[in-house]
N, C-alpha and C. Protein backbone atom coordinates (compact mmCIF):
# COMPACT_ATOMS: atom_id res chain seq x y z
N UNK A 1 -35.17 161.56 125.55
CA UNK A 1 -34.53 160.43 126.18
C UNK A 1 -35.27 159.17 125.76
N UNK A 2 -34.53 158.19 125.34
CA UNK A 2 -35.09 156.94 124.86
C UNK A 2 -35.42 156.04 126.05
N UNK A 3 -36.67 155.60 126.14
CA UNK A 3 -37.09 154.77 127.28
C UNK A 3 -36.44 153.40 127.25
N UNK A 4 -36.11 152.88 126.06
CA UNK A 4 -35.43 151.59 125.98
C UNK A 4 -34.03 151.68 126.59
N UNK A 5 -33.34 152.78 126.32
CA UNK A 5 -32.02 152.98 126.92
C UNK A 5 -32.13 153.13 128.43
N UNK A 6 -33.16 153.81 128.88
CA UNK A 6 -33.36 154.00 130.31
C UNK A 6 -33.60 152.67 131.02
N UNK A 7 -34.40 151.82 130.42
CA UNK A 7 -34.66 150.50 131.01
C UNK A 7 -33.41 149.64 131.03
N UNK A 8 -32.62 149.70 129.96
CA UNK A 8 -31.38 148.91 129.91
C UNK A 8 -30.36 149.43 130.92
N UNK A 9 -30.28 150.74 131.09
CA UNK A 9 -29.35 151.31 132.07
C UNK A 9 -29.80 150.99 133.50
N UNK A 10 -31.10 150.88 133.71
CA UNK A 10 -31.61 150.54 135.05
C UNK A 10 -31.22 149.12 135.44
N UNK A 11 -30.98 148.26 134.46
CA UNK A 11 -30.51 146.90 134.77
C UNK A 11 -29.05 146.93 135.20
N UNK A 12 -28.27 147.86 134.67
CA UNK A 12 -26.86 147.96 135.02
C UNK A 12 -26.69 148.63 136.37
N UNK A 13 -27.44 149.71 136.61
CA UNK A 13 -27.40 150.44 137.88
C UNK A 13 -28.78 150.33 138.50
N UNK A 14 -29.00 149.39 139.42
CA UNK A 14 -30.34 149.16 139.95
C UNK A 14 -30.88 150.29 140.83
N UNK A 15 -30.02 151.10 141.43
CA UNK A 15 -30.46 152.18 142.29
C UNK A 15 -30.84 153.37 141.41
N UNK A 16 -32.11 153.73 141.39
CA UNK A 16 -32.62 154.77 140.51
C UNK A 16 -32.02 156.14 140.82
N UNK A 17 -31.86 156.46 142.09
CA UNK A 17 -31.29 157.76 142.46
C UNK A 17 -29.84 157.87 142.02
N UNK A 18 -29.10 156.79 142.16
CA UNK A 18 -27.71 156.78 141.73
C UNK A 18 -27.62 156.92 140.21
N UNK A 19 -28.50 156.26 139.49
CA UNK A 19 -28.52 156.36 138.03
C UNK A 19 -28.82 157.79 137.58
N UNK A 20 -29.77 158.44 138.22
CA UNK A 20 -30.11 159.82 137.88
C UNK A 20 -28.91 160.73 138.12
N UNK A 21 -28.21 160.55 139.23
CA UNK A 21 -27.05 161.37 139.53
C UNK A 21 -25.92 161.13 138.53
N UNK A 22 -25.71 159.87 138.15
CA UNK A 22 -24.67 159.56 137.17
C UNK A 22 -24.97 160.20 135.83
N UNK A 23 -26.20 160.07 135.37
CA UNK A 23 -26.57 160.59 134.06
C UNK A 23 -26.52 162.11 134.06
N UNK A 24 -27.02 162.74 135.12
CA UNK A 24 -27.03 164.21 135.14
C UNK A 24 -25.61 164.76 135.17
N UNK A 25 -24.73 164.13 135.92
CA UNK A 25 -23.34 164.60 135.96
C UNK A 25 -22.66 164.41 134.61
N UNK A 26 -22.93 163.27 133.97
CA UNK A 26 -22.30 163.02 132.66
C UNK A 26 -22.86 163.96 131.59
N UNK A 27 -24.14 164.25 131.64
CA UNK A 27 -24.73 165.19 130.68
C UNK A 27 -24.10 166.57 130.84
N UNK A 28 -23.87 166.99 132.08
CA UNK A 28 -23.21 168.28 132.31
C UNK A 28 -21.81 168.28 131.72
N UNK A 29 -21.08 167.17 131.89
CA UNK A 29 -19.74 167.07 131.32
C UNK A 29 -19.78 167.14 129.80
N UNK A 30 -20.71 166.42 129.19
CA UNK A 30 -20.82 166.43 127.73
C UNK A 30 -21.21 167.81 127.23
N UNK A 31 -22.07 168.50 127.96
CA UNK A 31 -22.50 169.84 127.55
C UNK A 31 -21.35 170.83 127.63
N UNK A 32 -20.40 170.60 128.54
CA UNK A 32 -19.24 171.48 128.66
C UNK A 32 -18.18 171.21 127.60
N UNK A 33 -18.36 170.12 126.84
CA UNK A 33 -17.41 169.85 125.77
C UNK A 33 -16.58 168.60 125.93
N UNK A 34 -16.80 167.81 126.96
CA UNK A 34 -16.07 166.56 127.12
C UNK A 34 -16.43 165.62 125.97
N UNK A 35 -15.50 164.82 125.57
CA UNK A 35 -15.75 163.89 124.46
C UNK A 35 -16.54 162.69 124.94
N UNK A 36 -17.47 162.22 124.10
CA UNK A 36 -18.21 161.00 124.45
C UNK A 36 -17.28 159.79 124.38
N UNK A 37 -17.56 158.80 125.20
CA UNK A 37 -16.75 157.59 125.24
C UNK A 37 -17.24 156.54 124.26
N UNK A 38 -18.28 156.84 123.52
CA UNK A 38 -18.84 155.91 122.54
C UNK A 38 -19.00 156.62 121.21
N UNK A 39 -19.14 155.83 120.15
CA UNK A 39 -19.48 156.40 118.85
C UNK A 39 -20.99 156.62 118.85
N UNK A 40 -21.42 157.79 118.41
CA UNK A 40 -22.85 158.08 118.44
C UNK A 40 -23.28 158.72 117.14
N UNK A 41 -24.55 158.65 116.89
CA UNK A 41 -25.15 159.21 115.69
C UNK A 41 -25.37 160.70 115.92
N UNK A 42 -25.01 161.56 114.96
CA UNK A 42 -25.30 162.98 115.14
C UNK A 42 -26.80 163.20 115.35
N UNK A 43 -27.12 164.07 116.26
CA UNK A 43 -28.52 164.32 116.60
C UNK A 43 -28.98 163.53 117.81
N UNK A 44 -28.15 162.63 118.29
CA UNK A 44 -28.47 161.85 119.49
C UNK A 44 -28.35 162.78 120.70
N UNK A 45 -29.31 162.75 121.59
CA UNK A 45 -29.30 163.64 122.75
C UNK A 45 -28.19 163.29 123.73
N UNK A 46 -27.81 164.27 124.53
CA UNK A 46 -26.74 164.05 125.50
C UNK A 46 -27.13 163.00 126.55
N UNK A 47 -28.39 162.98 126.95
CA UNK A 47 -28.85 161.98 127.92
C UNK A 47 -28.76 160.58 127.32
N UNK A 48 -29.09 160.45 126.02
CA UNK A 48 -28.99 159.15 125.36
C UNK A 48 -27.55 158.69 125.26
N UNK A 49 -26.63 159.63 125.02
CA UNK A 49 -25.21 159.29 124.98
C UNK A 49 -24.77 158.80 126.35
N UNK A 50 -25.16 159.51 127.40
CA UNK A 50 -24.78 159.13 128.76
C UNK A 50 -25.37 157.77 129.14
N UNK A 51 -26.62 157.54 128.77
CA UNK A 51 -27.24 156.24 129.08
C UNK A 51 -26.53 155.11 128.33
N UNK A 52 -26.15 155.35 127.09
CA UNK A 52 -25.44 154.33 126.32
C UNK A 52 -24.08 154.05 126.92
N UNK A 53 -23.42 155.07 127.44
CA UNK A 53 -22.13 154.86 128.10
C UNK A 53 -22.29 153.99 129.34
N UNK A 54 -23.37 154.17 130.07
CA UNK A 54 -23.63 153.33 131.25
C UNK A 54 -23.90 151.90 130.82
N UNK A 55 -24.71 151.73 129.78
CA UNK A 55 -25.07 150.39 129.31
C UNK A 55 -23.83 149.63 128.85
N UNK A 56 -22.94 150.32 128.14
CA UNK A 56 -21.74 149.68 127.61
C UNK A 56 -20.60 149.64 128.64
N UNK A 57 -20.88 150.00 129.87
CA UNK A 57 -19.92 149.98 130.98
C UNK A 57 -18.71 150.86 130.72
N UNK A 58 -18.90 151.96 130.02
CA UNK A 58 -17.82 152.92 129.81
C UNK A 58 -17.68 153.83 131.02
N UNK A 59 -18.77 154.03 131.76
CA UNK A 59 -18.70 154.75 133.02
C UNK A 59 -19.34 153.87 134.09
N UNK A 60 -18.76 153.89 135.26
CA UNK A 60 -19.25 153.08 136.37
C UNK A 60 -19.34 153.97 137.61
N UNK A 61 -19.70 153.38 138.71
CA UNK A 61 -19.80 154.12 139.96
C UNK A 61 -19.09 153.34 141.05
N UNK A 62 -18.73 154.07 142.08
CA UNK A 62 -18.09 153.46 143.24
C UNK A 62 -18.72 154.09 144.47
N UNK A 63 -19.24 153.28 145.35
CA UNK A 63 -19.87 153.79 146.57
C UNK A 63 -18.79 154.12 147.59
N UNK A 64 -18.99 155.19 148.31
CA UNK A 64 -18.07 155.59 149.36
C UNK A 64 -18.21 154.62 150.53
N UNK A 65 -17.12 154.36 151.24
CA UNK A 65 -17.23 153.46 152.40
C UNK A 65 -18.13 154.08 153.46
N UNK A 66 -18.80 153.23 154.17
CA UNK A 66 -19.71 153.69 155.22
C UNK A 66 -18.89 154.31 156.36
N UNK A 67 -19.37 155.37 156.95
CA UNK A 67 -18.64 155.97 158.07
C UNK A 67 -18.64 155.02 159.26
N UNK A 68 -17.61 155.07 160.09
CA UNK A 68 -17.57 154.16 161.24
C UNK A 68 -18.67 154.50 162.23
N UNK A 69 -19.11 153.47 162.93
CA UNK A 69 -20.12 153.67 163.95
C UNK A 69 -19.50 154.39 165.14
N UNK A 70 -20.32 155.06 165.92
CA UNK A 70 -19.81 155.80 167.08
C UNK A 70 -19.19 154.87 168.11
N UNK A 71 -19.69 153.64 168.21
CA UNK A 71 -19.15 152.69 169.17
C UNK A 71 -17.73 152.29 168.78
N UNK A 72 -17.44 152.23 167.46
CA UNK A 72 -16.14 151.80 166.98
C UNK A 72 -15.12 152.94 166.95
N UNK A 73 -15.60 154.17 167.01
CA UNK A 73 -14.70 155.31 166.91
C UNK A 73 -13.96 155.51 168.23
N UNK A 74 -12.72 155.92 168.12
CA UNK A 74 -11.93 156.19 169.30
C UNK A 74 -12.08 157.67 169.65
N UNK A 75 -12.16 157.95 170.93
CA UNK A 75 -12.29 159.32 171.40
C UNK A 75 -10.90 159.85 171.68
N UNK A 76 -10.58 160.98 171.08
CA UNK A 76 -9.28 161.60 171.30
C UNK A 76 -9.43 162.74 172.30
N UNK A 77 -8.48 162.79 173.24
CA UNK A 77 -8.49 163.87 174.22
C UNK A 77 -7.58 164.99 173.73
N UNK A 78 -8.11 166.18 173.64
CA UNK A 78 -7.32 167.32 173.22
C UNK A 78 -6.77 168.02 174.45
N UNK A 79 -5.56 168.59 174.34
CA UNK A 79 -5.03 169.33 175.50
C UNK A 79 -5.83 170.59 175.73
N UNK A 80 -5.88 171.05 176.96
CA UNK A 80 -6.66 172.26 177.26
C UNK A 80 -6.00 173.46 176.61
N UNK A 81 -6.82 174.45 176.26
CA UNK A 81 -6.32 175.69 175.67
C UNK A 81 -5.94 176.64 176.80
N UNK A 82 -4.71 177.08 176.77
CA UNK A 82 -4.20 177.99 177.80
C UNK A 82 -4.03 179.35 177.17
N UNK A 83 -4.65 180.35 177.76
CA UNK A 83 -4.50 181.72 177.27
C UNK A 83 -3.75 182.54 178.30
N UNK A 84 -2.93 183.44 177.81
CA UNK A 84 -2.16 184.30 178.71
C UNK A 84 -2.91 185.60 178.88
N UNK A 85 -2.96 186.07 180.11
CA UNK A 85 -3.62 187.34 180.39
C UNK A 85 -2.67 188.48 180.07
N UNK A 86 -3.25 189.57 179.56
CA UNK A 86 -2.42 190.75 179.25
C UNK A 86 -1.99 191.42 180.55
N UNK A 87 -0.75 191.88 180.61
CA UNK A 87 -0.24 192.49 181.83
C UNK A 87 -0.54 193.95 181.93
């Protein structure tokens, strides 16, 4: 893995944990046979390809919305469960 590519990708994705997850998932995809989104030199490692894709904004991330707070959530009342006794 090229440290220059890692530093450049860290500028695009400032959260280190998120960057690691993005790169690892993309490396798995490339290893399974997915096509790279960039032109690359033969012999370039899969991690370097994934980092270059992040740098060139070929892959991005989207954060999931935050779950609602308990104060904002509405409480739903469920009907009682009625069971019939066997005769």
